[in-house]
Amino acid sequence: QVQLVESGGGLVQPGGSLRLSCAASRSISSTYTMSWYRQAPGKQRELVAAVTTSGTTNSVDSVKGRFTISRDNAKNTVYLQMNNLKPEDTAVYYCNAQHVVLRGLTYWGQGTQVTVSS
């Protein structure tokens, strides 16, 4: 079992920045793809960005150029650097770990609230 704990959310004005952190309870570097999802009020959870075991990253078009996902394997931590935040980025952000082979082994953090408002 992998336990994930997110942190770093908060209230920020449009154009501001936040860095989210997701700490895993054990090593996941060689077996898990790490991702950030978000869920806005009244909407379904959506994938924001992902980073593979090899360090390859991907993100949705709406955040490209603004958000950067990264992982520090030594710390068992994944980050989401969010710059130039917009009101539409407001959501609960969830960390996800998915086993690269046994993809049914998927774990979620409890989420951290990001609110972008003036």
Protein backbone atom coordinates (compact mmCIF):
# COMPACT_ATOMS: atom_id res chain seq x y z
CA GLN A 1 0.00 0.00 0.00
CA VAL A 2 1.13 3.52 -0.82
CA GLN A 3 -0.07 6.42 1.25
CA LEU A 4 0.01 9.86 -0.29
CA VAL A 5 -0.20 13.18 1.50
CA GLU A 6 -0.63 16.45 -0.36
CA SER A 7 0.32 19.86 0.91
CA GLY A 8 0.90 23.37 -0.34
CA GLY A 9 -2.58 24.46 -1.30
CA GLY A 10 -4.15 27.70 -0.28
CA LEU A 11 -5.72 30.94 -1.39
CA VAL A 12 -3.93 32.94 -4.04
CA GLN A 13 -4.79 35.84 -6.31
CA PRO A 14 -4.89 35.46 -10.07
CA GLY A 15 -1.38 35.52 -11.45
CA GLY A 16 0.06 34.11 -8.28
CA SER A 17 1.98 30.90 -7.73
CA LEU A 18 1.80 27.84 -5.54
CA ARG A 19 3.82 24.69 -5.26
CA LEU A 20 2.02 21.53 -4.30
CA SER A 21 3.84 18.61 -2.75
CA CYS A 22 2.85 14.98 -2.54
CA ALA A 23 4.78 12.77 -0.16
CA ALA A 24 4.60 9.00 -0.61
CA SER A 25 4.94 6.64 2.30
CA ARG A 26 7.48 4.46 0.54
CA SER A 27 9.65 4.34 -2.56
CA ILE A 28 7.69 4.55 -5.80
CA SER A 29 10.39 5.61 -8.21
CA SER A 30 10.73 2.43 -10.24
CA THR A 31 7.16 1.21 -10.32
CA TYR A 32 4.69 4.08 -10.22
CA THR A 33 3.62 6.83 -12.51
CA MET A 34 2.81 9.90 -10.47
CA SER A 35 0.10 12.33 -11.42
CA TRP A 36 -1.81 15.34 -10.27
CA TYR A 37 -5.54 15.51 -10.75
CA ARG A 38 -7.99 18.20 -9.82
CA GLN A 39 -11.69 18.39 -9.20
CA ALA A 40 -13.56 21.65 -9.37
CA PRO A 41 -16.98 22.11 -7.80
CA GLY A 42 -19.65 20.37 -9.84
CA LYS A 43 -17.13 18.81 -12.19
CA GLN A 44 -15.49 15.45 -12.59
CA ARG A 45 -11.93 14.82 -11.60
CA GLU A 46 -9.51 15.55 -14.41
CA LEU A 47 -5.89 14.76 -15.05
CA VAL A 48 -3.63 17.79 -14.85
CA ALA A 49 -0.12 16.42 -15.24
CA ALA A 50 1.83 13.20 -14.97
CA VAL A 51 5.43 12.14 -14.64
CA THR A 52 6.65 8.64 -15.46
CA THR A 53 9.28 6.55 -13.74
CA SER A 54 11.80 7.75 -16.31
CA GLY A 55 10.99 11.39 -15.72
CA THR A 56 8.90 11.99 -18.81
CA THR A 57 6.20 14.55 -18.17
CA ASN A 58 2.90 15.44 -19.71
CA SER A 59 0.21 17.95 -18.93
CA VAL A 60 -3.11 19.09 -20.25
CA ASP A 61 -3.13 21.98 -22.68
CA SER A 62 -4.89 24.29 -20.28
CA VAL A 63 -1.90 24.32 -17.93
CA LYS A 64 0.99 23.99 -20.36
CA GLY A 65 3.50 26.73 -19.82
CA ARG A 66 2.12 27.45 -16.37
CA PHE A 67 2.31 24.19 -14.43
CA THR A 68 5.31 21.93 -14.06
CA ILE A 69 5.28 18.46 -12.56
CA SER A 70 8.44 16.93 -11.17
CA ARG A 71 9.51 14.17 -8.85
CA ASP A 72 12.27 13.78 -6.33
CA ASN A 73 12.79 10.06 -5.99
CA ALA A 74 15.16 10.40 -3.07
CA LYS A 75 12.40 12.10 -1.12
CA ASN A 76 9.57 9.99 -2.53
CA THR A 77 7.86 13.23 -3.40
CA VAL A 78 6.18 14.67 -6.44
CA TYR A 79 5.61 18.37 -6.98
CA LEU A 80 3.34 20.57 -8.99
CA GLN A 81 4.66 24.06 -9.52
CA MET A 82 1.77 26.28 -10.50
CA ASN A 83 2.47 29.71 -11.93
CA ASN A 84 0.20 32.38 -13.33
CA LEU A 85 -2.78 30.86 -11.63
CA LYS A 86 -6.23 31.57 -12.96
CA PRO A 87 -9.64 31.42 -11.28
CA GLU A 88 -10.48 28.37 -13.37
CA ASP A 89 -7.62 26.55 -11.66
CA THR A 90 -9.63 26.56 -8.45
CA ALA A 91 -10.14 22.97 -7.39
CA VAL A 92 -9.13 20.30 -4.97
CA TYR A 93 -5.87 18.88 -6.22
CA TYR A 94 -5.18 15.19 -5.72
CA CYS A 95 -1.98 13.25 -5.98
CA ASN A 96 -2.16 9.88 -7.71
CA ALA A 97 0.19 6.93 -7.90
CA GLN A 98 -0.44 4.20 -10.46
CA HIS A 99 1.58 1.04 -10.77
CA VAL A 100 3.10 0.84 -14.23
CA VAL A 101 2.25 -2.85 -14.67
CA LEU A 102 -0.50 -3.63 -12.20
CA ARG A 103 -2.44 -0.54 -13.01
CA GLY A 104 -5.25 -1.52 -10.72
CA LEU A 105 -2.87 -0.59 -7.94
CA THR A 106 -3.83 3.04 -7.83
CA TYR A 107 -3.58 5.28 -4.80
CA TRP A 108 -4.94 8.71 -4.04
CA GLY A 109 -4.11 11.39 -1.58
CA GLN A 110 -6.76 13.22 0.39
CA GLY A 111 -6.42 16.36 -1.66
CA THR A 112 -5.40 19.94 -1.06
CA GLN A 113 -7.57 22.94 -1.84
CA VAL A 114 -6.36 25.55 -4.29
CA THR A 115 -8.46 28.67 -4.54
CA VAL A 116 -7.62 31.39 -7.04
CA SER A 117 -9.66 34.49 -6.43
CA SER A 118 -9.31 38.24 -6.40
